[in-house]
């Protein structure tokens, strides 16, 4: 299934692929002919892969936070979060390569209490400070366990952040809410009463992989 968040872009890029393939078919020069066809097919395959939107089944628990993005855990660090949580917190950053699924999902049940879009730079997404300097959306959810902040951060290639939630919405873990086009990053920031359930280098899936578990002590 192709995601609705990127359908227009996919159609345009698929049309470009078709033009390359057709140009190759009608070209007489052998190496140019097959080169255009191969490039067009590879471009089409890349776009089918990038804009795919597989179904996901979230864990049947409410004392967890799942990843909002597919990708690799870049790092886990302690921060002071002053935008929404306003206390010492733990941040997990997930890097999305162009080969990952880019549809983003809600990490926990709750209500959208904070929503902010920030225009910014386009540093490489794996750069530590890109979460504060790059273009991004910041989304704060109040759950039954307290506040959770997560972001969509644009990267060097990614130049388009899409989200369809708004302040005041009630949301459920695993629901689709948007995407970042062409590789980027998502940061999840929570108070220290949550314990990380992953480590740097782990591969995670949006809506399924558990990033944090609530500490009941």
C-alpha atoms as a PDB file:
ATOM      1  CA  UNK A   1       0.000   0.000   0.000  1.00  0.00           C
ATOM      2  CA  UNK A   2       1.249   3.504  -0.866  1.00  0.00           C
ATOM      3  CA  UNK A   3       0.907   6.045   1.945  1.00  0.00           C
ATOM      4  CA  UNK A   4      -1.643   8.801   1.501  1.00  0.00           C
ATOM      5  CA  UNK A   5       0.869  11.277   2.954  1.00  0.00           C
ATOM      6  CA  UNK A   6       3.100  10.908  -0.093  1.00  0.00           C
ATOM      7  CA  UNK A   7       0.660   9.929  -2.820  1.00  0.00           C
ATOM      8  CA  UNK A   8       1.004  13.142  -4.849  1.00  0.00           C
ATOM      9  CA  UNK A   9       4.801  12.972  -4.720  1.00  0.00           C
ATOM     10  CA  UNK A  10       4.723   9.285  -5.630  1.00  0.00           C
ATOM     11  CA  UNK A  11       2.519   9.937  -8.681  1.00  0.00           C
ATOM     12  CA  UNK A  12       4.842  12.677  -9.941  1.00  0.00           C
ATOM     13  CA  UNK A  13       7.931  10.543  -9.470  1.00  0.00           C
ATOM     14  CA  UNK A  14       6.266   7.495 -11.020  1.00  0.00           C
ATOM     15  CA  UNK A  15       5.384   9.636 -14.049  1.00  0.00           C
ATOM     16  CA  UNK A  16       9.023  10.709 -14.312  1.00  0.00           C
ATOM     17  CA  UNK A  17      10.080   7.047 -14.169  1.00  0.00           C
ATOM     18  CA  UNK A  18       7.610   6.218 -16.933  1.00  0.00           C
ATOM     19  CA  UNK A  19       9.015   9.021 -19.120  1.00  0.00           C
ATOM     20  CA  UNK A  20      12.549   7.671 -18.693  1.00  0.00           C
ATOM     21  CA  UNK A  21      11.422   4.155 -19.597  1.00  0.00           C
ATOM     22  CA  UNK A  22       9.451   5.362 -22.649  1.00  0.00           C
ATOM     23  CA  UNK A  23      12.373   7.510 -23.793  1.00  0.00           C
ATOM     24  CA  UNK A  24      14.598   4.468 -23.562  1.00  0.00           C
ATOM     25  CA  UNK A  25      12.177   2.311 -25.553  1.00  0.00           C
ATOM     26  CA  UNK A  26      12.099   4.795 -28.458  1.00  0.00           C
ATOM     27  CA  UNK A  27      15.818   5.626 -28.384  1.00  0.00           C
ATOM     28  CA  UNK A  28      17.951   3.987 -31.074  1.00  0.00           C
ATOM     29  CA  UNK A  29      21.346   4.114 -29.384  1.00  0.00           C
ATOM     30  CA  UNK A  30      21.844   0.805 -27.561  1.00  0.00           C
ATOM     31  CA  UNK A  31      23.665   1.819 -24.363  1.00  0.00           C
ATOM     32  CA  UNK A  32      21.591   4.994 -23.914  1.00  0.00           C
ATOM     33  CA  UNK A  33      18.392   3.042 -24.612  1.00  0.00           C
ATOM     34  CA  UNK A  34      19.028   0.418 -21.934  1.00  0.00           C
ATOM     35  CA  UNK A  35      20.548   2.961 -19.567  1.00  0.00           C
ATOM     36  CA  UNK A  36      17.371   5.052 -19.567  1.00  0.00           C
ATOM     37  CA  UNK A  37      15.173   1.990 -19.091  1.00  0.00           C
ATOM     38  CA  UNK A  38      17.286   0.684 -16.191  1.00  0.00           C
ATOM     39  CA  UNK A  39      17.427   4.107 -14.496  1.00  0.00           C
ATOM     40  CA  UNK A  40      13.658   4.515 -14.882  1.00  0.00           C
ATOM     41  CA  UNK A  41      12.973   1.076 -13.404  1.00  0.00           C
ATOM     42  CA  UNK A  42      15.364   1.613 -10.496  1.00  0.00           C
ATOM     43  CA  UNK A  43      13.791   5.015  -9.771  1.00  0.00           C
ATOM     44  CA  UNK A  44      10.317   3.458  -9.800  1.00  0.00           C
ATOM     45  CA  UNK A  45      11.408   0.633  -7.465  1.00  0.00           C
ATOM     46  CA  UNK A  46      12.965   3.150  -5.071  1.00  0.00           C
ATOM     47  CA  UNK A  47       9.739   5.170  -4.912  1.00  0.00           C
ATOM     48  CA  UNK A  48       7.563   2.093  -4.411  1.00  0.00           C
ATOM     49  CA  UNK A  49       9.852   1.120  -1.541  1.00  0.00           C
ATOM     50  CA  UNK A  50      10.037   4.598  -0.002  1.00  0.00           C
ATOM     51  CA  UNK A  51       6.315   5.364  -0.001  1.00  0.00           C
ATOM     52  CA  UNK A  52       5.189   1.917   1.163  1.00  0.00           C
ATOM     53  CA  UNK A  53       2.886   1.837   4.175  1.00  0.00           C
ATOM     54  CA  UNK A  54       2.705  -1.620   5.771  1.00  0.00           C
ATOM     55  CA  UNK A  55       0.196  -2.436   8.503  1.00  0.00           C
ATOM     56  CA  UNK A  56       1.554  -2.562  12.043  1.00  0.00           C
ATOM     57  CA  UNK A  57       0.118  -4.104  15.219  1.00  0.00           C
ATOM     58  CA  UNK A  58       1.100  -2.262  18.424  1.00  0.00           C
ATOM     59  CA  UNK A  59       1.771  -4.248  21.629  1.00  0.00           C
ATOM     60  CA  UNK A  60      -1.261  -4.852  23.840  1.00  0.00           C
ATOM     61  CA  UNK A  61       0.037  -2.718  26.734  1.00  0.00           C
ATOM     62  CA  UNK A  62      -0.449   0.885  27.816  1.00  0.00           C
ATOM     63  CA  UNK A  63       2.634   1.252  30.079  1.00  0.00           C
ATOM     64  CA  UNK A  64       5.024   1.507  27.142  1.00  0.00           C
ATOM     65  CA  UNK A  65       6.096   3.966  24.476  1.00  0.00           C
ATOM     66  CA  UNK A  66       6.626   2.605  20.964  1.00  0.00           C
ATOM     67  CA  UNK A  67       8.792   4.073  18.272  1.00  0.00           C
ATOM     68  CA  UNK A  68       7.147   6.743  16.089  1.00  0.00           C
ATOM     69  CA  UNK A  69       9.534   5.876  13.242  1.00  0.00           C
ATOM     70  CA  UNK A  70      11.298   3.005  11.527  1.00  0.00           C
ATOM     71  CA  UNK A  71      15.071   3.113  11.667  1.00  0.00           C
ATOM     72  CA  UNK A  72      18.097   2.730  13.921  1.00  0.00           C
ATOM     73  CA  UNK A  73      18.540   4.018  17.468  1.00  0.00           C
ATOM     74  CA  UNK A  74      21.235   6.697  17.186  1.00  0.00           C
ATOM     75  CA  UNK A  75      21.743   7.467  20.833  1.00  0.00           C
ATOM     76  CA  UNK A  76      20.136   7.636  24.258  1.00  0.00           C
ATOM     77  CA  UNK A  77      20.967  10.624  26.451  1.00  0.00           C
ATOM     78  CA  UNK A  78      19.815  12.669  29.411  1.00  0.00           C
ATOM     79  CA  UNK A  79      18.533  16.163  28.651  1.00  0.00           C
ATOM     80  CA  UNK A  80      16.645  18.979  30.272  1.00  0.00           C
ATOM     81  CA  UNK A  81      13.473  19.329  28.210  1.00  0.00           C
ATOM     82  CA  UNK A  82      12.078  22.864  28.455  1.00  0.00           C
ATOM     83  CA  UNK A  83       9.638  23.038  25.521  1.00  0.00           C
ATOM     84  CA  UNK A  84       6.878  20.862  26.982  1.00  0.00           C
ATOM     85  CA  UNK A  85       7.970  18.458  29.713  1.00  0.00           C
ATOM     86  CA  UNK A  86       9.951  21.107  31.649  1.00  0.00           C
ATOM     87  CA  UNK A  87      12.107  18.733  33.693  1.00  0.00           C
ATOM     88  CA  UNK A  88      15.094  16.404  33.456  1.00  0.00           C
ATOM     89  CA  UNK A  89      14.340  13.782  30.847  1.00  0.00           C
ATOM     90  CA  UNK A  90      15.655  10.948  28.657  1.00  0.00           C
ATOM     91  CA  UNK A  91      15.875  11.251  24.878  1.00  0.00           C
ATOM     92  CA  UNK A  92      16.018   8.438  22.336  1.00  0.00           C
ATOM     93  CA  UNK A  93      16.795   9.419  18.747  1.00  0.00           C
ATOM     94  CA  UNK A  94      15.848   7.212  15.789  1.00  0.00           C
ATOM     95  CA  UNK A  95      17.525   7.747  12.414  1.00  0.00           C
ATOM     96  CA  UNK A  96      15.562   6.936   9.238  1.00  0.00           C
ATOM     97  CA  UNK A  97      17.532   6.101   6.112  1.00  0.00           C
ATOM     98  CA  UNK A  98      15.938   6.516   2.657  1.00  0.00           C
ATOM     99  CA  UNK A  99      15.357   2.733   2.654  1.00  0.00           C
ATOM    100  CA  UNK A 100      13.175   2.755   5.781  1.00  0.00           C
ATOM    101  CA  UNK A 101       9.397   3.065   5.914  1.00  0.00           C
ATOM    102  CA  UNK A 102       8.794   6.789   6.491  1.00  0.00           C
ATOM    103  CA  UNK A 103       5.219   6.779   7.761  1.00  0.00           C
ATOM    104  CA  UNK A 104       5.202   8.028  11.376  1.00  0.00           C
ATOM    105  CA  UNK A 105       2.978   6.608  14.124  1.00  0.00           C
ATOM    106  CA  UNK A 106       1.703   7.750  17.515  1.00  0.00           C
ATOM    107  CA  UNK A 107       3.940   6.401  20.339  1.00  0.00           C
ATOM    108  CA  UNK A 108       1.383   6.326  23.190  1.00  0.00           C
ATOM    109  CA  UNK A 109      -2.337   6.766  23.919  1.00  0.00           C
ATOM    110  CA  UNK A 110      -3.322  10.235  25.058  1.00  0.00           C
ATOM    111  CA  UNK A 111      -4.279  13.750  24.055  1.00  0.00           C
ATOM    112  CA  UNK A 112      -2.229  16.137  21.901  1.00  0.00           C
ATOM    113  CA  UNK A 113      -1.522  18.963  24.319  1.00  0.00           C
ATOM    114  CA  UNK A 114       1.382  20.670  22.560  1.00  0.00           C
ATOM    115  CA  UNK A 115       2.022  21.133  18.830  1.00  0.00           C
ATOM    116  CA  UNK A 116       4.714  23.343  17.340  1.00  0.00           C
ATOM    117  CA  UNK A 117       6.283  23.635  13.887  1.00  0.00           C
ATOM    118  CA  UNK A 118       9.783  25.125  13.680  1.00  0.00           C
ATOM    119  CA  UNK A 119      11.453  26.343  10.504  1.00  0.00           C
ATOM    120  CA  UNK A 120      15.159  25.629  10.590  1.00  0.00           C
ATOM    121  CA  UNK A 121      18.276  24.284   8.916  1.00  0.00           C
ATOM    122  CA  UNK A 122      18.885  21.010   7.066  1.00  0.00           C
ATOM    123  CA  UNK A 123      21.888  19.546   8.846  1.00  0.00           C
ATOM    124  CA  UNK A 124      22.641  15.846   8.553  1.00  0.00           C
ATOM    125  CA  UNK A 125      19.994  14.128  10.707  1.00  0.00           C
ATOM    126  CA  UNK A 126      22.555  12.048  12.634  1.00  0.00           C
ATOM    127  CA  UNK A 127      24.272  15.253  13.859  1.00  0.00           C
ATOM    128  CA  UNK A 128      23.625  15.540  17.605  1.00  0.00           C
ATOM    129  CA  UNK A 129      22.266  19.109  17.556  1.00  0.00           C
ATOM    130  CA  UNK A 130      20.054  18.706  14.481  1.00  0.00           C
ATOM    131  CA  UNK A 131      17.076  18.145  16.807  1.00  0.00           C
ATOM    132  CA  UNK A 132      17.353  21.790  17.924  1.00  0.00           C
ATOM    133  CA  UNK A 133      18.547  23.432  14.696  1.00  0.00           C
ATOM    134  CA  UNK A 134      16.725  21.658  11.857  1.00  0.00           C
ATOM    135  CA  UNK A 135      13.219  22.127  10.523  1.00  0.00           C
ATOM    136  CA  UNK A 136      10.920  20.020  12.695  1.00  0.00           C
ATOM    137  CA  UNK A 137       7.523  19.398  14.186  1.00  0.00           C
ATOM    138  CA  UNK A 138       7.249  19.018  17.971  1.00  0.00           C
ATOM    139  CA  UNK A 139       4.321  17.042  19.355  1.00  0.00           C
ATOM    140  CA  UNK A 140       3.476  16.721  23.047  1.00  0.00           C
ATOM    141  CA  UNK A 141       1.019  14.098  24.298  1.00  0.00           C
ATOM    142  CA  UNK A 142      -0.402  13.877  27.795  1.00  0.00           C
ATOM    143  CA  UNK A 143      -0.918  10.199  28.578  1.00  0.00           C
ATOM    144  CA  UNK A 144      -2.222   8.501  31.725  1.00  0.00           C
ATOM    145  CA  UNK A 145       1.447   8.256  32.753  1.00  0.00           C
ATOM    146  CA  UNK A 146       2.302  11.916  32.109  1.00  0.00           C
ATOM    147  CA  UNK A 147       3.870  13.927  29.312  1.00  0.00           C
ATOM    148  CA  UNK A 148       5.639  12.562  26.226  1.00  0.00           C
ATOM    149  CA  UNK A 149       7.324  14.740  23.585  1.00  0.00           C
ATOM    150  CA  UNK A 150       8.355  13.487  20.164  1.00  0.00           C
ATOM    151  CA  UNK A 151       9.507  15.142  16.967  1.00  0.00           C
ATOM    152  CA  UNK A 152       9.767  14.836  13.203  1.00  0.00           C
ATOM    153  CA  UNK A 153      13.159  16.291  12.254  1.00  0.00           C
ATOM    154  CA  UNK A 154      14.043  17.135   8.644  1.00  0.00           C
ATOM    155  CA  UNK A 155      17.514  16.134   7.465  1.00  0.00           C
ATOM    156  CA  UNK A 156      19.958  17.051   4.710  1.00  0.00           C
ATOM    157  CA  UNK A 157      17.829  15.324   2.048  1.00  0.00           C
ATOM    158  CA  UNK A 158      14.419  15.456   3.720  1.00  0.00           C
ATOM    159  CA  UNK A 159      12.718  18.771   2.934  1.00  0.00           C
ATOM    160  CA  UNK A 160       9.080  17.977   3.631  1.00  0.00           C
ATOM    161  CA  UNK A 161       7.428  17.172   6.961  1.00  0.00           C
ATOM    162  CA  UNK A 162       3.795  16.045   6.845  1.00  0.00           C
ATOM    163  CA  UNK A 163       1.440  15.605   9.810  1.00  0.00           C
ATOM    164  CA  UNK A 164      -2.341  15.676  10.118  1.00  0.00           C
ATOM    165  CA  UNK A 165      -2.933  15.849  13.863  1.00  0.00           C
ATOM    166  CA  UNK A 166      -3.837  19.026  15.706  1.00  0.00           C
ATOM    167  CA  UNK A 167      -3.799  20.277  19.268  1.00  0.00           C
ATOM    168  CA  UNK A 168      -6.634  18.760  21.299  1.00  0.00           C
ATOM    169  CA  UNK A 169      -6.842  15.516  19.305  1.00  0.00           C
ATOM    170  CA  UNK A 170      -7.199  12.226  21.183  1.00  0.00           C
ATOM    171  CA  UNK A 171      -4.740   9.728  19.713  1.00  0.00           C
ATOM    172  CA  UNK A 172      -3.967   6.023  20.055  1.00  0.00           C
ATOM    173  CA  UNK A 173      -0.678   4.159  20.064  1.00  0.00           C
ATOM    174  CA  UNK A 174       0.253   2.923  16.602  1.00  0.00           C
ATOM    175  CA  UNK A 175      -2.034   5.244  14.641  1.00  0.00           C
ATOM    176  CA  UNK A 176      -0.534   6.830  11.531  1.00  0.00           C
ATOM    177  CA  UNK A 177      -0.197  10.615  11.734  1.00  0.00           C
ATOM    178  CA  UNK A 178       2.262  11.718   9.033  1.00  0.00           C
ATOM    179  CA  UNK A 179       5.649  11.173   7.427  1.00  0.00           C
ATOM    180  CA  UNK A 180       8.999  12.790   6.654  1.00  0.00           C
ATOM    181  CA  UNK A 181      10.004  12.559   3.006  1.00  0.00           C
ATOM    182  CA  UNK A 182      13.438  11.165   2.078  1.00  0.00           C
ATOM    183  CA  UNK A 183      15.340  10.239   5.188  1.00  0.00           C
ATOM    184  CA  UNK A 184      15.487  11.954   8.560  1.00  0.00           C
ATOM    185  CA  UNK A 185      15.082  11.434  12.291  1.00  0.00           C
ATOM    186  CA  UNK A 186      12.627  11.327  15.185  1.00  0.00           C
ATOM    187  CA  UNK A 187      13.387  12.139  18.830  1.00  0.00           C
ATOM    188  CA  UNK A 188      11.314  10.827  21.733  1.00  0.00           C
ATOM    189  CA  UNK A 189      11.751  12.598  25.074  1.00  0.00           C
ATOM    190  CA  UNK A 190      10.199  11.464  28.361  1.00  0.00           C
ATOM    191  CA  UNK A 191      10.582  12.083  32.125  1.00  0.00           C
ATOM    192  CA  UNK A 192      13.004   9.832  34.020  1.00  0.00           C
ATOM    193  CA  UNK A 193      10.187   7.682  35.391  1.00  0.00           C
ATOM    194  CA  UNK A 194      10.438   5.844  32.038  1.00  0.00           C
ATOM    195  CA  UNK A 195      13.175   3.248  31.419  1.00  0.00           C
ATOM    196  CA  UNK A 196      14.733   2.762  27.961  1.00  0.00           C
ATOM    197  CA  UNK A 197      14.017  -0.660  26.435  1.00  0.00           C
ATOM    198  CA  UNK A 198      16.507  -0.341  23.556  1.00  0.00           C
ATOM    199  CA  UNK A 199      20.180   0.476  23.065  1.00  0.00           C
ATOM    200  CA  UNK A 200      22.106   2.416  20.393  1.00  0.00           C
ATOM    201  CA  UNK A 201      22.309   0.462  17.158  1.00  0.00           C
ATOM    202  CA  UNK A 202      19.006  -1.370  17.632  1.00  0.00           C
ATOM    203  CA  UNK A 203      16.656  -1.503  14.652  1.00  0.00           C
ATOM    204  CA  UNK A 204      13.096  -0.403  15.444  1.00  0.00           C
ATOM    205  CA  UNK A 205       9.723  -0.312  13.697  1.00  0.00           C
ATOM    206  CA  UNK A 206       7.139   2.438  14.019  1.00  0.00           C
ATOM    207  CA  UNK A 207       4.092   1.432  16.039  1.00  0.00           C
ATOM    208  CA  UNK A 208       5.567  -1.907  17.166  1.00  0.00           C
ATOM    209  CA  UNK A 209       9.017  -1.616  18.755  1.00  0.00           C
ATOM    210  CA  UNK A 210       9.030  -0.665  22.438  1.00  0.00           C
ATOM    211  CA  UNK A 211      11.368   2.245  23.246  1.00  0.00           C
ATOM    212  CA  UNK A 212      10.422   2.879  26.895  1.00  0.00           C
ATOM    213  CA  UNK A 213       8.723   0.994  29.722  1.00  0.00           C
ATOM    214  CA  UNK A 214       7.128   2.740  32.688  1.00  0.00           C
ATOM    215  CA  UNK A 215       8.915   2.184  35.991  1.00  0.00           C
ATOM    216  CA  UNK A 216       6.390   1.094  38.632  1.00  0.00           C
ATOM    217  CA  UNK A 217       8.660   1.583  41.652  1.00  0.00           C
END
